[in-house]
Amino acid sequence: MINAWLEQHAAVISLVILFMMLLGFSRDRAPPSAIAVIGAAAFMLLGYVGEKDALSVFSNGAVIAIASMLILTAALVRTGVLEALASRVLAVAKMNPTVAIIMLLLIAVISSAFVNSTPVVVILIPLMVSLAASIKISSKRLLIPLSYMAILGGTCTLIGTSTNLVVNSIAKSLGHPGFGIFDITVVGVFVAVVGGVSLLLMSRFLLPKSAPGSDQQTPTQANIITEVRVCEKFSGLGEPYDDVTVLKPRGINVLGLFRSGARIARDNKSQVSAKDHWILRTTASELATLVARKNLDLGVRVRSRPARDSELQIERFTVLSESRIVGRRLSEAHFLSRFPVSIIGVRRNRNLAGPDLNSLVVHAGDQLWVEGSTVSLQGVARDPFLAQSSRPVEKPFLRERATIALATLLAVITASAFSWASLPVAAIIGIGVLLAVKSLESSDAWAALNAEVLILIYGMLIVGLGLQNTGAVDLIITLIMPWMQIASPFVVLLIIYSLTSLLTEMVTNNAVAVVMTPLAIKLGEQLGTDPTALIVAVMFGASASFATPVGYQTNTLVHVAGNYRFVEFLKIGVPMNVIVGIASCLAINVWFGA
């Protein structure tokens, strides 16, 4: 009797489960992935999704493509491609900060059309903060536009956001032919232009006007002091200091160049010589990159250390207040005389350590980068007044393999665009190439896989199957059909877009895509029209998250970096939602013939 009742009321029960899930998403008391798995489990427990259907979602090409693109993006980060773009912009900023800001926003748009926008925004946030300071405005006036342009860039191609891939996959499973990588590009570019121009016009009135320095600033990253000695076989010997590539990245600030104790200028008249001594401030990643360079000797040490070609590791320690090295010079650290290790970098909170490693006086709270063998570092770690960091030390950039990483990504996009291979197949082959030529390490590749996103999508795909199997989608269509039949095609398009966009502000975008895509297709079929335009409306509506800092990950990033209030997002985000929504629907209506 219970089974019969569950079957008889399956559609209503499914909608109740869906409502409870949406409520859970909006209340944010549990991770979205956990809510998706709970919802999927409910559909399976009630028998609305069988074992075969549930397991079938794990072969979904969209999820494989999303995971693969995350890994390819990690290769661009590890090889320094995105960092190199940022360095070029920084050079322009010295001459014209306004042009540099425009370049950064264009980089955000273009990069986000092909790779995951999150690392793009992470890299660009410190640059935006620095540029804001250089032209004496609040960084709050630049960080929201950075996130918004990254969002708009993601709508320009099928691979620009995971949401597009999910929508495309569900549409194909329901009989739609699907989309190519650039099928939505015309609409995406139009919307990005309209959104960008509107943002520019509204920014003067709707973005925060706090004074420079009153908002939370992202601290400078190049805050680790290190010393470098040039060895006899360094590849850059004889080069003018202006042309030394190892000193050019934006994460390296040259404090001084010395030869035989005398300062030398960094210009074309001064050439690199063996035994030259450099004092630098670097980021953690650039410090690791310097360590990986051959014939550069870093740091301070007292005892002889194993040769560079032996197995050396780096660990990070924090000096506690009770340590006996507090108040003494770094070169007098007791563990330097006990173990064959080097201190290759020091970072101090709130101010910069210096003026160099040898004369640096240690303060409580200083972070020390220590290099040595595993046994030696274990000996250092036994000091009760040195706290070893639990976070892994940053890895060096693989800049010499940047061209390979970029060429591989372009090859994957080209192969998919011309249908030489499906996107999942092309991306997996590309990852294999990168691993084979060591442009990407396996640890970086697997770390790039965002389990939260992937599990969320898998769970929601099962929920979507449950809604289809129980007739819940058909029930919704039956209820709204009388109003839709008297509405014009454009109004129908606008309703689907608006509903998708509204849900996206409250619920994670991939979950909304799973729910709305079948609804759009069924609605198109019932109205006797091609559902393509409605499917594209779901793609764009699910990415149109401007009004809240929680609807899209890049919004969350800039919300924290700029210390925005929730209302500051609403003030400019609501008008952006309206303008971008109207522009999207107009363009979709024209291009896809709604």
Protein backbone atom coordinates (compact mmCIF):
# COMPACT_ATOMS: atom_id res chain seq x y z
CA MET A 1 0.00 0.00 0.00
CA ILE A 2 2.85 2.39 0.86
CA ASN A 3 4.58 1.67 -2.46
CA ALA A 4 1.35 2.34 -4.35
CA TRP A 5 0.87 5.65 -2.51
CA LEU A 6 4.46 6.71 -3.20
CA GLU A 7 4.03 5.90 -6.87
CA GLN A 8 0.66 7.66 -7.11
CA HIS A 9 1.99 10.88 -5.59
CA ALA A 10 5.51 10.66 -7.01
CA ALA A 11 5.40 14.01 -8.83
CA VAL A 12 4.23 15.97 -5.79
CA ILE A 13 6.69 14.20 -3.47
CA SER A 14 9.51 14.97 -5.90
CA LEU A 15 8.60 18.65 -5.91
CA VAL A 16 8.53 18.66 -2.10
CA ILE A 17 12.03 17.14 -2.04
CA LEU A 18 13.18 19.74 -4.56
CA PHE A 19 11.68 22.57 -2.50
CA MET A 20 13.42 21.31 0.63
CA MET A 21 16.71 21.17 -1.28
CA LEU A 22 16.29 24.72 -2.57
CA LEU A 23 15.52 25.85 0.96
CA GLY A 24 18.65 24.10 2.18
CA PHE A 25 20.76 25.73 -0.54
CA SER A 26 19.45 29.19 0.31
CA ARG A 27 19.91 28.85 4.09
CA ASP A 28 23.58 27.85 3.60
CA ARG A 29 23.72 25.64 6.70
CA ALA A 30 25.34 22.76 4.86
CA PRO A 31 27.66 22.60 1.83
CA PRO A 32 25.75 22.50 -1.50
CA SER A 33 27.37 19.18 -2.35
CA ALA A 34 26.02 17.62 0.86
CA ILE A 35 22.48 18.84 0.11
CA ALA A 36 22.71 17.48 -3.45
CA VAL A 37 23.82 14.06 -2.19
CA ILE A 38 21.03 14.01 0.42
CA GLY A 39 18.48 14.87 -2.26
CA ALA A 40 19.86 12.20 -4.62
CA ALA A 41 19.74 9.64 -1.82
CA ALA A 42 16.09 10.52 -1.14
CA PHE A 43 15.13 9.91 -4.78
CA MET A 44 16.98 6.59 -4.79
CA LEU A 45 15.55 5.50 -1.43
CA LEU A 46 12.00 6.17 -2.64
CA GLY A 47 12.66 4.16 -5.79
CA TYR A 48 12.26 7.12 -8.15
CA VAL A 49 15.78 6.60 -9.53
CA GLY A 50 16.98 3.07 -10.11
CA GLU A 51 20.51 1.74 -9.80
CA LYS A 52 21.16 1.78 -13.55
CA ASP A 53 20.02 5.40 -13.92
CA ALA A 54 21.97 6.52 -10.85
CA LEU A 55 25.21 4.95 -12.07
CA SER A 56 24.74 6.35 -15.57
CA VAL A 57 25.42 9.91 -14.37
CA PHE A 58 29.03 8.99 -13.62
CA SER A 59 29.68 8.59 -17.35
CA ASN A 60 28.29 12.05 -18.08
CA GLY A 61 30.59 13.80 -20.54
CA ALA A 62 29.94 17.25 -19.11
CA VAL A 63 31.39 16.37 -15.72
CA ILE A 64 34.45 14.80 -17.35
CA ALA A 65 34.88 17.93 -19.46
CA ILE A 66 34.54 20.20 -16.41
CA ALA A 67 37.12 18.20 -14.45
CA SER A 68 39.49 18.20 -17.44
CA MET A 69 39.21 21.95 -17.96
CA LEU A 70 39.99 22.53 -14.28
CA ILE A 71 43.20 20.55 -14.74
CA LEU A 72 44.14 22.42 -17.92
CA THR A 73 43.60 25.69 -16.06
CA ALA A 74 45.93 24.46 -13.31
CA ALA A 75 48.60 23.92 -15.96
CA LEU A 76 48.31 27.57 -17.04
CA VAL A 77 48.71 28.67 -13.42
CA ARG A 78 51.64 26.33 -12.66
CA THR A 79 53.56 27.27 -15.81
CA GLY A 80 53.09 30.96 -15.07
CA VAL A 81 51.01 31.85 -18.15
CA LEU A 82 48.45 33.85 -16.16
CA GLU A 83 51.21 35.33 -14.01
CA ALA A 84 53.06 36.48 -17.16
CA LEU A 85 49.94 38.27 -18.41
CA ALA A 86 49.65 40.02 -15.06
CA SER A 87 53.30 41.09 -15.24
CA ARG A 88 52.76 42.68 -18.66
CA VAL A 89 49.84 44.66 -17.29
CA LEU A 90 51.93 45.81 -14.35
CA ALA A 91 54.51 47.21 -16.78
CA VAL A 92 51.77 49.17 -18.55
CA ALA A 93 50.47 50.43 -15.21
CA LYS A 94 53.70 52.31 -14.57
CA MET A 95 52.96 54.48 -17.61
CA ASN A 96 49.14 54.59 -17.62
CA PRO A 97 47.17 53.00 -14.75
CA THR A 98 43.81 53.60 -16.46
CA VAL A 99 44.89 51.65 -19.55
CA ALA A 100 46.18 48.91 -17.25
CA ILE A 101 42.77 48.64 -15.55
CA ILE A 102 41.06 48.27 -18.93
CA MET A 103 43.63 45.61 -19.89
CA LEU A 104 42.98 43.69 -16.67
CA LEU A 105 39.25 43.68 -17.27
CA LEU A 106 39.79 42.49 -20.85
CA ILE A 107 42.10 39.75 -19.60
CA ALA A 108 39.38 38.70 -17.13
CA VAL A 109 36.80 38.52 -19.94
CA ILE A 110 38.97 36.71 -22.50
CA SER A 111 40.60 34.29 -20.05
CA SER A 112 37.30 33.36 -18.42
CA ALA A 113 35.87 32.41 -21.82
CA PHE A 114 38.31 29.49 -22.01
CA VAL A 115 39.50 28.61 -18.49
CA ASN A 116 38.15 28.54 -14.97
CA SER A 117 37.56 32.14 -13.87
CA THR A 118 38.47 31.53 -10.21
CA PRO A 119 42.29 31.38 -10.57
CA VAL A 120 42.10 34.26 -13.06
CA VAL A 121 40.38 36.48 -10.50
CA VAL A 122 42.67 35.28 -7.68
CA ILE A 123 45.72 36.43 -9.67
CA LEU A 124 44.17 39.73 -10.76
CA ILE A 125 42.82 40.85 -7.36
CA PRO A 126 46.23 42.02 -5.98
CA LEU A 127 46.91 43.88 -9.24
CA MET A 128 43.58 45.67 -9.05
CA VAL A 129 44.28 46.66 -5.45
CA SER A 130 47.72 48.01 -6.42
CA LEU A 131 46.32 49.92 -9.39
CA ALA A 132 43.58 51.42 -7.25
CA ALA A 133 46.22 52.70 -4.83
CA SER A 134 48.31 54.14 -7.69
CA ILE A 135 45.42 56.28 -8.97
CA LYS A 136 44.23 57.07 -5.42
CA ILE A 137 40.81 55.44 -5.47
CA SER A 138 39.23 52.74 -3.34
CA SER A 139 39.83 49.18 -4.51
CA LYS A 140 36.09 48.66 -3.99
CA ARG A 141 35.54 50.57 -7.22
CA LEU A 142 37.53 47.97 -9.19
CA LEU A 143 37.02 44.57 -7.57
CA ILE A 144 33.28 44.19 -8.25
CA PRO A 145 33.82 45.08 -11.95
CA LEU A 146 36.61 42.47 -12.05
CA SER A 147 34.24 39.74 -10.87
CA TYR A 148 31.39 40.87 -13.13
CA MET A 149 33.59 40.91 -16.24
CA ALA A 150 34.88 37.43 -15.43
CA ILE A 151 31.26 36.25 -15.18
CA LEU A 152 30.39 37.85 -18.53
CA GLY A 153 33.47 36.30 -20.11
CA GLY A 154 32.34 32.85 -19.01
CA THR A 155 29.14 33.19 -21.06
CA CYS A 156 31.04 33.72 -24.32
CA THR A 157 31.79 30.04 -25.01
CA LEU A 158 30.39 26.65 -24.12
CA ILE A 159 33.47 25.88 -22.01
CA GLY A 160 33.58 29.27 -20.26
CA THR A 161 31.61 27.99 -17.28
CA SER A 162 30.73 24.56 -15.94
CA THR A 163 27.06 25.57 -16.04
CA ASN A 164 27.07 25.76 -19.84
CA LEU A 165 28.55 22.28 -20.08
CA VAL A 166 25.97 20.88 -17.66
CA VAL A 167 23.08 22.47 -19.57
CA ASN A 168 24.43 21.18 -22.87
CA SER A 169 24.84 17.65 -21.52
CA ILE A 170 21.29 17.51 -20.12
CA ALA A 171 19.87 18.93 -23.35
CA LYS A 172 21.63 16.25 -25.41
CA SER A 173 20.38 13.51 -23.09
CA LEU A 174 16.82 14.75 -23.73
CA GLY A 175 17.18 14.61 -27.50
CA HIS A 176 18.49 18.08 -28.35
CA PRO A 177 21.48 18.12 -30.76
CA GLY A 178 23.52 20.21 -28.33
CA PHE A 179 25.93 23.09 -28.93
CA GLY A 180 29.45 23.63 -30.23
CA ILE A 181 32.05 25.60 -28.31
CA PHE A 182 31.35 28.85 -30.16
CA ASP A 183 27.62 28.50 -30.92
CA ILE A 184 26.71 30.96 -28.16
CA THR A 185 29.69 33.28 -28.70
CA VAL A 186 27.82 35.96 -30.71
CA VAL A 187 25.23 36.31 -27.96
CA GLY A 188 27.91 36.15 -25.25
CA VAL A 189 30.06 38.86 -26.81
CA PHE A 190 27.03 41.14 -27.29
CA VAL A 191 25.97 40.65 -23.67
CA ALA A 192 29.55 41.19 -22.44
CA VAL A 193 29.80 44.47 -24.36
CA VAL A 194 26.41 45.70 -23.11
CA GLY A 195 27.23 44.60 -19.58
CA GLY A 196 30.69 46.19 -19.68
CA VAL A 197 29.44 49.53 -21.01
CA SER A 198 26.57 49.56 -18.49
CA LEU A 199 28.98 48.79 -15.68
CA LEU A 200 31.20 51.66 -16.77
CA LEU A 201 28.28 54.10 -16.85
CA MET A 202 26.84 52.97 -13.51
CA SER A 203 30.13 52.62 -11.65
CA ARG A 204 30.38 56.34 -10.88
CA PHE A 205 27.02 56.34 -9.10
CA LEU A 206 26.50 52.83 -7.75
CA LEU A 207 29.94 51.58 -6.71
CA PRO A 208 31.22 52.39 -3.18
CA LYS A 209 33.02 55.72 -2.82
CA SER A 210 35.07 55.00 0.30
CA ALA A 211 38.41 56.77 0.50
CA PRO A 212 41.61 54.99 -0.54
CA GLY A 213 42.89 52.79 2.26
CA SER A 214 39.57 52.72 4.15
CA ASP A 215 38.63 49.36 2.71
CA GLN A 216 40.51 46.16 3.39
CA GLN A 217 43.55 45.98 1.14
CA THR A 218 45.05 42.76 -0.06
CA PRO A 219 48.57 42.76 1.39
CA THR A 220 51.48 42.78 -0.97
CA GLN A 221 52.60 39.29 -1.90
CA ALA A 222 56.28 40.07 -2.47
CA ASN A 223 57.04 40.21 1.25
CA ILE A 224 59.61 37.43 1.75
CA ILE A 225 63.20 38.62 1.96
CA THR A 226 65.89 36.39 0.51
CA GLU A 227 69.50 36.55 -0.64
CA VAL A 228 70.90 34.99 -3.79
CA ARG A 229 74.51 34.34 -4.79
CA VAL A 230 75.33 33.78 -8.46
CA CYS A 231 77.36 30.61 -9.10
CA GLU A 232 80.09 30.05 -11.69
CA LYS A 233 77.85 28.14 -14.12
CA PHE A 234 74.77 30.38 -14.00
CA SER A 235 73.26 30.58 -17.50
CA GLY A 236 72.79 34.35 -17.30
CA LEU A 237 76.44 35.28 -16.80
CA GLY A 238 77.41 38.28 -18.94
CA GLU A 239 73.81 39.43 -19.49
CA PRO A 240 72.95 43.08 -18.75
CA TYR A 241 70.99 43.26 -15.51
CA ASP A 242 68.12 44.92 -17.36
CA ASP A 243 67.68 41.70 -19.38
CA VAL A 244 67.98 39.08 -16.62
CA THR A 245 64.73 37.12 -16.95
CA VAL A 246 64.95 35.61 -13.48
CA LEU A 247 64.53 39.10 -11.96
CA LYS A 248 61.66 40.26 -14.20
CA PRO A 249 58.53 38.58 -12.71
CA ARG A 250 56.22 40.93 -10.82
CA GLY A 251 56.59 38.72 -7.73
CA ILE A 252 60.26 39.71 -7.41
CA ASN A 253 61.40 43.11 -6.13
CA VAL A 254 65.11 43.82 -6.31
CA LEU A 255 66.32 45.58 -3.14
CA GLY A 256 70.00 45.59 -4.04
CA LEU A 257 72.65 44.09 -6.31
CA PHE A 258 76.16 43.80 -4.89
CA ARG A 259 79.61 42.79 -6.12
CA SER A 260 82.50 42.43 -3.68
CA GLY A 261 80.45 44.34 -1.12
CA ALA A 262 79.77 47.33 -3.40
CA ARG A 263 76.32 48.13 -4.75
CA ILE A 264 75.92 47.95 -8.53
CA ALA A 265 73.18 49.46 -10.69
CA ARG A 266 70.49 47.42 -12.40
CA ASP A 267 70.90 48.67 -15.96
CA ASN A 268 72.40 47.75 -19.33
CA LYS A 269 75.87 48.87 -18.23
CA SER A 270 76.01 46.31 -15.41
CA GLN A 271 76.41 42.68 -16.39
CA VAL A 272 75.86 39.58 -14.30
CA SER A 273 79.04 38.16 -12.88
CA ALA A 274 79.81 35.09 -10.79
CA LYS A 275 79.65 35.71 -7.03
CA ASP A 276 77.26 38.66 -7.47
CA HIS A 277 74.99 38.99 -4.47
CA TRP A 278 71.27 39.84 -4.80
CA ILE A 279 68.91 40.96 -2.05
CA LEU A 280 65.30 40.37 -3.10
CA ARG A 281 61.73 40.43 -1.83
CA THR A 282 59.63 37.71 -3.40
CA THR A 283 56.34 35.88 -3.25
CA ALA A 284 56.34 32.32 -1.92
CA SER A 285 55.93 30.88 -5.43
CA GLU A 286 58.78 33.00 -6.82
CA LEU A 287 61.01 31.95 -3.92
CA ALA A 288 60.33 28.31 -4.80
CA THR A 289 61.08 29.11 -8.46
CA LEU A 290 64.45 30.65 -7.52
CA VAL A 291 65.31 27.59 -5.47
CA ALA A 292 64.59 25.39 -8.47
CA ARG A 293 66.90 27.42 -10.75
CA LYS A 294 70.30 25.89 -11.29
CA ASN A 295 73.47 27.67 -10.17
CA LEU A 296 71.80 30.13 -7.84
CA ASP A 297 72.65 29.73 -4.16
CA LEU A 298 70.03 31.03 -1.71
CA GLY A 299 69.94 31.87 1.95
CA VAL A 300 72.05 31.94 5.10
CA ARG A 301 73.83 28.94 6.58
CA VAL A 302 76.69 28.19 8.98
CA ARG A 303 77.44 24.51 8.39
CA SER A 304 78.09 23.00 4.98
CA ARG A 305 74.93 21.69 3.37
CA PRO A 306 74.39 18.74 1.01
CA ALA A 307 74.94 19.50 -2.67
CA ARG A 308 72.05 20.98 -4.61
CA ASP A 309 71.57 17.76 -6.61
CA SER A 310 70.87 15.77 -3.44
CA GLU A 311 67.36 15.43 -2.04
CA LEU A 312 66.61 18.77 -0.38
CA GLN A 313 63.25 19.91 0.91
CA ILE A 314 61.80 23.17 2.18
CA GLU A 315 59.72 23.59 5.31
CA ARG A 316 58.18 26.70 6.83
CA PHE A 317 58.50 27.47 10.54
CA THR A 318 57.07 30.26 12.72
CA VAL A 319 59.24 31.64 15.53
CA LEU A 320 57.41 31.58 18.88
CA SER A 321 57.92 34.31 21.46
CA GLU A 322 59.84 32.04 23.87
CA SER A 323 62.45 31.09 21.27
CA ARG A 324 66.04 32.00 22.14
CA ILE A 325 66.67 33.37 18.64
CA VAL A 326 64.20 36.24 19.18
CA GLY A 327 66.20 39.48 19.34
CA ARG A 328 69.27 37.91 17.75
CA ARG A 329 70.59 38.06 14.23
CA LEU A 330 69.27 35.40 11.92
CA SER A 331 72.80 34.16 11.20
CA GLU A 332 73.12 33.35 14.92
CA ALA A 333 70.16 30.93 14.92
CA HIS A 334 71.18 27.95 17.02
CA PHE A 335 69.84 25.32 14.62
CA LEU A 336 72.08 26.63 11.81
CA SER A 337 75.16 25.45 13.69
CA ARG A 338 73.56 22.13 14.67
CA PHE A 339 72.10 21.05 11.33
CA PRO A 340 73.24 21.43 7.68
CA VAL A 341 70.31 23.64 6.65
CA SER A 342 69.84 27.06 5.07
CA ILE A 343 67.34 29.79 5.90
CA ILE A 344 66.35 30.90 2.41
CA GLY A 345 63.57 33.37 3.23
CA VAL A 346 61.89 35.31 6.03
CA ARG A 347 58.45 36.90 6.13
CA ARG A 348 57.23 39.22 8.86
CA ASN A 349 53.60 40.12 9.47
CA ARG A 350 52.50 43.78 9.17
CA ASN A 351 55.92 45.07 8.15
CA LEU A 352 58.83 43.95 6.01
CA ALA A 353 61.83 42.17 7.45
CA GLY A 354 65.29 43.34 6.49
CA PRO A 355 67.46 44.97 5.39
CA ASP A 356 69.03 41.62 4.43
CA LEU A 357 69.14 38.09 5.82
CA ASN A 358 72.55 38.29 7.49
CA SER A 359 71.80 41.37 9.59
CA LEU A 360 68.08 40.66 10.09
CA VAL A 361 67.08 40.61 13.76
CA VAL A 362 64.51 37.89 14.44
CA HIS A 363 61.12 38.86 15.87
CA ALA A 364 58.48 36.61 17.41
CA GLY A 365 56.04 35.57 14.70
CA ASP A 366 58.59 35.66 11.87
CA GLN A 367 58.10 32.92 9.29
CA LEU A 368 61.27 31.14 8.20
CA TRP A 369 61.70 29.14 4.99
CA VAL A 370 64.29 26.46 5.85
CA GLU A 371 65.92 24.18 3.27
CA GLY A 372 67.71 20.92 4.05
CA SER A 373 67.52 17.15 3.98
CA THR A 374 64.54 15.34 5.52
CA VAL A 375 66.61 14.29 8.54
CA SER A 376 67.95 17.80 9.12
CA LEU A 377 64.50 19.38 8.88
CA GLN A 378 63.13 16.81 11.32
CA GLY A 379 65.85 17.89 13.73
CA VAL A 380 64.87 21.55 13.35
CA ALA A 381 61.21 20.64 13.85
CA ARG A 382 61.99 19.17 17.28
CA ASP A 383 62.65 22.67 18.59
CA PRO A 384 59.60 23.35 20.82
CA PHE A 385 59.73 27.08 20.03
CA LEU A 386 59.52 26.70 16.26
CA ALA A 387 56.02 25.94 14.98
CA GLN A 388 56.11 23.97 11.74
CA SER A 389 53.48 25.00 9.20
CA SER A 390 50.89 22.37 8.28
CA ARG A 391 50.33 23.96 4.87
CA PRO A 392 52.48 22.72 1.99
CA VAL A 393 55.19 25.04 0.74
CA GLU A 394 54.39 26.69 -2.59
CA LYS A 395 55.74 25.07 -5.74
CA PRO A 396 57.96 26.77 -8.33
CA PHE A 397 56.62 28.05 -11.63
CA LEU A 398 57.47 25.85 -14.62
CA ARG A 399 57.96 28.82 -16.93
CA GLU A 400 60.06 26.96 -19.48
CA ARG A 401 56.99 24.82 -20.25
CA ALA A 402 54.49 27.67 -20.49
CA THR A 403 54.37 27.54 -24.30
CA ILE A 404 53.52 23.84 -24.23
CA ALA A 405 50.69 24.39 -21.76
CA LEU A 406 49.20 27.22 -23.79
CA ALA A 407 49.55 25.31 -27.08
CA THR A 408 47.86 22.27 -25.52
CA LEU A 409 44.87 24.29 -24.39
CA LEU A 410 44.51 25.86 -27.84
CA ALA A 411 44.76 22.40 -29.45
CA VAL A 412 42.01 21.05 -27.18
CA ILE A 413 39.72 23.98 -28.03
CA THR A 414 40.46 23.69 -31.76
CA ALA A 415 39.88 19.93 -31.86
CA SER A 416 36.54 20.30 -30.13
CA ALA A 417 35.46 23.34 -32.16
CA PHE A 418 36.04 21.54 -35.46
CA SER A 419 34.53 18.27 -34.15
CA TRP A 420 37.79 16.39 -34.59
CA ALA A 421 37.18 15.02 -31.10
CA SER A 422 34.64 15.59 -28.35
CA LEU A 423 35.66 18.02 -25.63
CA PRO A 424 36.11 15.34 -22.93
CA VAL A 425 38.27 13.20 -25.23
CA ALA A 426 40.36 16.15 -26.45
CA ALA A 427 40.84 17.45 -22.91
CA ILE A 428 41.91 14.06 -21.54
CA ILE A 429 44.44 13.69 -24.37
CA GLY A 430 45.70 17.20 -23.63
CA ILE A 431 46.16 16.35 -19.95
CA GLY A 432 48.07 13.21 -20.93
CA VAL A 433 50.40 15.28 -23.11
CA LEU A 434 51.05 17.79 -20.31
CA LEU A 435 51.82 15.01 -17.83
CA ALA A 436 54.09 13.23 -20.34
CA VAL A 437 56.20 16.33 -21.08
CA LYS A 438 56.16 17.36 -17.40
CA SER A 439 54.35 20.64 -17.99
CA LEU A 440 52.07 19.52 -15.17
CA GLU A 441 52.69 17.31 -12.16
CA SER A 442 50.14 14.68 -11.26
CA SER A 443 49.77 16.12 -7.75
CA ASP A 444 48.82 19.51 -9.23
CA ALA A 445 46.44 17.90 -11.70
CA TRP A 446 44.48 15.96 -9.10
CA ALA A 447 44.55 18.86 -6.61
CA ALA A 448 42.84 21.01 -9.26
CA LEU A 449 39.79 18.75 -9.24
CA ASN A 450 37.18 20.62 -7.23
CA ALA A 451 35.40 17.78 -5.41
CA GLU A 452 32.71 20.14 -4.10
CA VAL A 453 31.68 21.13 -7.64
CA LEU A 454 31.91 17.64 -9.14
CA ILE A 455 29.93 15.94 -6.36
CA LEU A 456 27.32 18.70 -6.52
CA ILE A 457 26.83 18.14 -10.24
CA TYR A 458 26.65 14.35 -9.92
CA GLY A 459 24.10 14.62 -7.10
CA MET A 460 21.95 17.12 -8.99
CA LEU A 461 22.05 14.97 -12.14
CA ILE A 462 20.47 12.15 -10.13
CA VAL A 463 17.89 14.59 -8.77
CA GLY A 464 17.17 15.72 -12.33
CA LEU A 465 16.57 12.11 -13.38
CA GLY A 466 14.20 11.71 -10.46
CA LEU A 467 12.20 14.77 -11.50
CA GLN A 468 11.96 13.39 -15.02
CA ASN A 469 11.00 9.85 -13.95
CA THR A 470 8.25 10.97 -11.57
CA GLY A 471 6.63 13.41 -13.99
CA ALA A 472 7.38 16.41 -11.78
CA VAL A 473 8.55 18.46 -14.77
CA ASP A 474 5.37 17.59 -16.68
CA LEU A 475 3.31 18.65 -13.66
CA ILE A 476 4.98 22.06 -13.57
CA ILE A 477 4.43 22.51 -17.32
CA THR A 478 0.75 21.61 -16.92
CA LEU A 479 0.33 24.22 -14.20
CA ILE A 480 2.01 27.09 -16.08
CA MET A 481 0.90 26.24 -19.62
CA PRO A 482 -2.34 28.32 -19.60
CA TRP A 483 -0.28 31.50 -18.96
CA MET A 484 2.50 30.56 -21.35
CA GLN A 485 0.12 29.89 -24.26
CA ILE A 486 -1.12 33.49 -24.26
CA ALA A 487 2.37 34.98 -23.91
CA SER A 488 4.56 35.93 -26.85
CA PRO A 489 7.72 33.85 -27.49
CA PHE A 490 9.87 36.71 -26.22
CA VAL A 491 7.90 36.95 -22.97
CA VAL A 492 8.26 33.18 -22.47
CA LEU A 493 11.99 33.57 -23.04
CA LEU A 494 12.12 36.42 -20.53
CA ILE A 495 10.22 34.41 -17.92
CA ILE A 496 12.55 31.40 -18.20
CA TYR A 497 15.62 33.64 -18.01
CA SER A 498 14.27 35.63 -15.04
CA LEU A 499 13.31 32.53 -13.06
CA THR A 500 16.73 30.97 -13.70
CA SER A 501 18.55 34.16 -12.73
CA LEU A 502 16.48 34.63 -9.57
CA LEU A 503 17.16 31.06 -8.42
CA THR A 504 20.87 31.48 -9.18
CA GLU A 505 21.12 34.36 -6.71
CA MET A 506 19.85 32.02 -3.98
CA VAL A 507 21.03 28.60 -5.11
CA THR A 508 24.26 27.36 -6.68
CA ASN A 509 24.17 27.82 -10.46
CA ASN A 510 24.84 24.19 -11.44
CA ALA A 511 21.90 23.01 -9.34
CA VAL A 512 19.64 25.57 -11.02
CA ALA A 513 20.83 24.42 -14.45
CA VAL A 514 19.90 20.81 -13.72
CA VAL A 515 16.38 21.81 -12.65
CA MET A 516 15.65 24.43 -15.30
CA THR A 517 17.01 22.74 -18.44
CA PRO A 518 14.41 19.92 -18.62
CA LEU A 519 11.72 22.47 -17.76
CA ALA A 520 12.78 24.70 -20.67
CA ILE A 521 12.88 21.81 -23.13
CA LYS A 522 9.48 20.46 -22.09
CA LEU A 523 7.98 23.94 -22.25
CA GLY A 524 9.30 24.46 -25.77
CA GLU A 525 7.88 21.11 -26.87
CA GLN A 526 4.47 21.85 -25.36
CA LEU A 527 4.37 25.25 -27.06
CA GLY A 528 5.36 23.65 -30.36
CA THR A 529 8.54 25.71 -30.74
CA ASP A 530 12.24 24.92 -30.97
CA PRO A 531 13.48 24.88 -27.35
CA THR A 532 17.02 26.00 -28.33
CA ALA A 533 16.44 29.63 -27.35
CA LEU A 534 15.00 28.60 -23.97
CA ILE A 535 18.01 26.33 -23.32
CA VAL A 536 20.40 29.19 -24.08
CA ALA A 537 18.35 31.42 -21.77
CA VAL A 538 18.99 28.91 -18.98
CA MET A 539 22.73 29.00 -19.75
CA PHE A 540 22.89 32.77 -19.51
CA GLY A 541 20.43 33.11 -16.64
CA ALA A 542 22.31 30.57 -14.52
CA SER A 543 25.51 32.62 -14.90
CA ALA A 544 23.88 36.01 -14.31
CA SER A 545 24.72 36.31 -10.63
CA PHE A 546 25.49 39.94 -9.88
CA ALA A 547 23.27 40.90 -6.95
CA THR A 548 24.78 38.80 -4.15
CA PRO A 549 28.31 37.79 -3.12
CA VAL A 550 27.30 34.14 -2.73
CA GLY A 551 25.77 33.35 -6.11
CA TYR A 552 29.09 33.00 -7.94
CA GLN A 553 32.55 32.07 -6.64
CA THR A 554 34.33 35.12 -8.08
CA ASN A 555 31.82 37.36 -6.30
CA THR A 556 32.77 35.68 -3.04
CA LEU A 557 36.48 36.21 -3.71
CA VAL A 558 36.18 39.95 -4.32
CA HIS A 559 33.66 40.30 -1.47
CA VAL A 560 36.32 39.11 0.96
CA ALA A 561 39.22 40.98 -0.68
CA GLY A 562 37.35 44.29 -0.81
CA ASN A 563 35.52 43.93 2.51
CA TYR A 564 32.21 44.79 0.81
CA ARG A 565 28.89 44.94 2.61
CA PHE A 566 26.04 42.83 1.23
CA VAL A 567 24.06 45.93 0.27
CA GLU A 568 26.95 47.18 -1.88
CA PHE A 569 26.51 44.16 -4.13
CA LEU A 570 22.74 44.68 -4.27
CA LYS A 571 23.08 48.35 -5.20
CA ILE A 572 24.87 47.71 -8.49
CA GLY A 573 24.07 44.01 -8.91
CA VAL A 574 20.30 44.36 -9.27
CA PRO A 575 20.56 46.89 -12.15
CA MET A 576 23.21 44.67 -13.75
CA ASN A 577 20.87 41.68 -13.51
CA VAL A 578 18.10 43.63 -15.23
CA ILE A 579 20.29 45.11 -17.99
CA VAL A 580 22.17 41.90 -18.73
CA GLY A 581 18.91 39.93 -18.64
CA ILE A 582 17.19 42.16 -21.20
CA ALA A 583 20.31 42.22 -23.41
CA SER A 584 20.60 38.42 -23.21
CA CYS A 585 16.98 37.79 -24.11
CA LEU A 586 17.05 40.28 -27.00
CA ALA A 587 20.21 38.71 -28.43
CA ILE A 588 18.92 35.14 -27.95
CA ASN A 589 15.64 36.08 -29.56
CA VAL A 590 17.43 37.45 -32.64
CA TRP A 591 20.21 34.86 -32.96
CA PHE A 592 18.31 31.69 -32.10
CA GLY A 593 14.94 32.79 -33.49
CA ALA A 594 12.86 32.45 -30.37
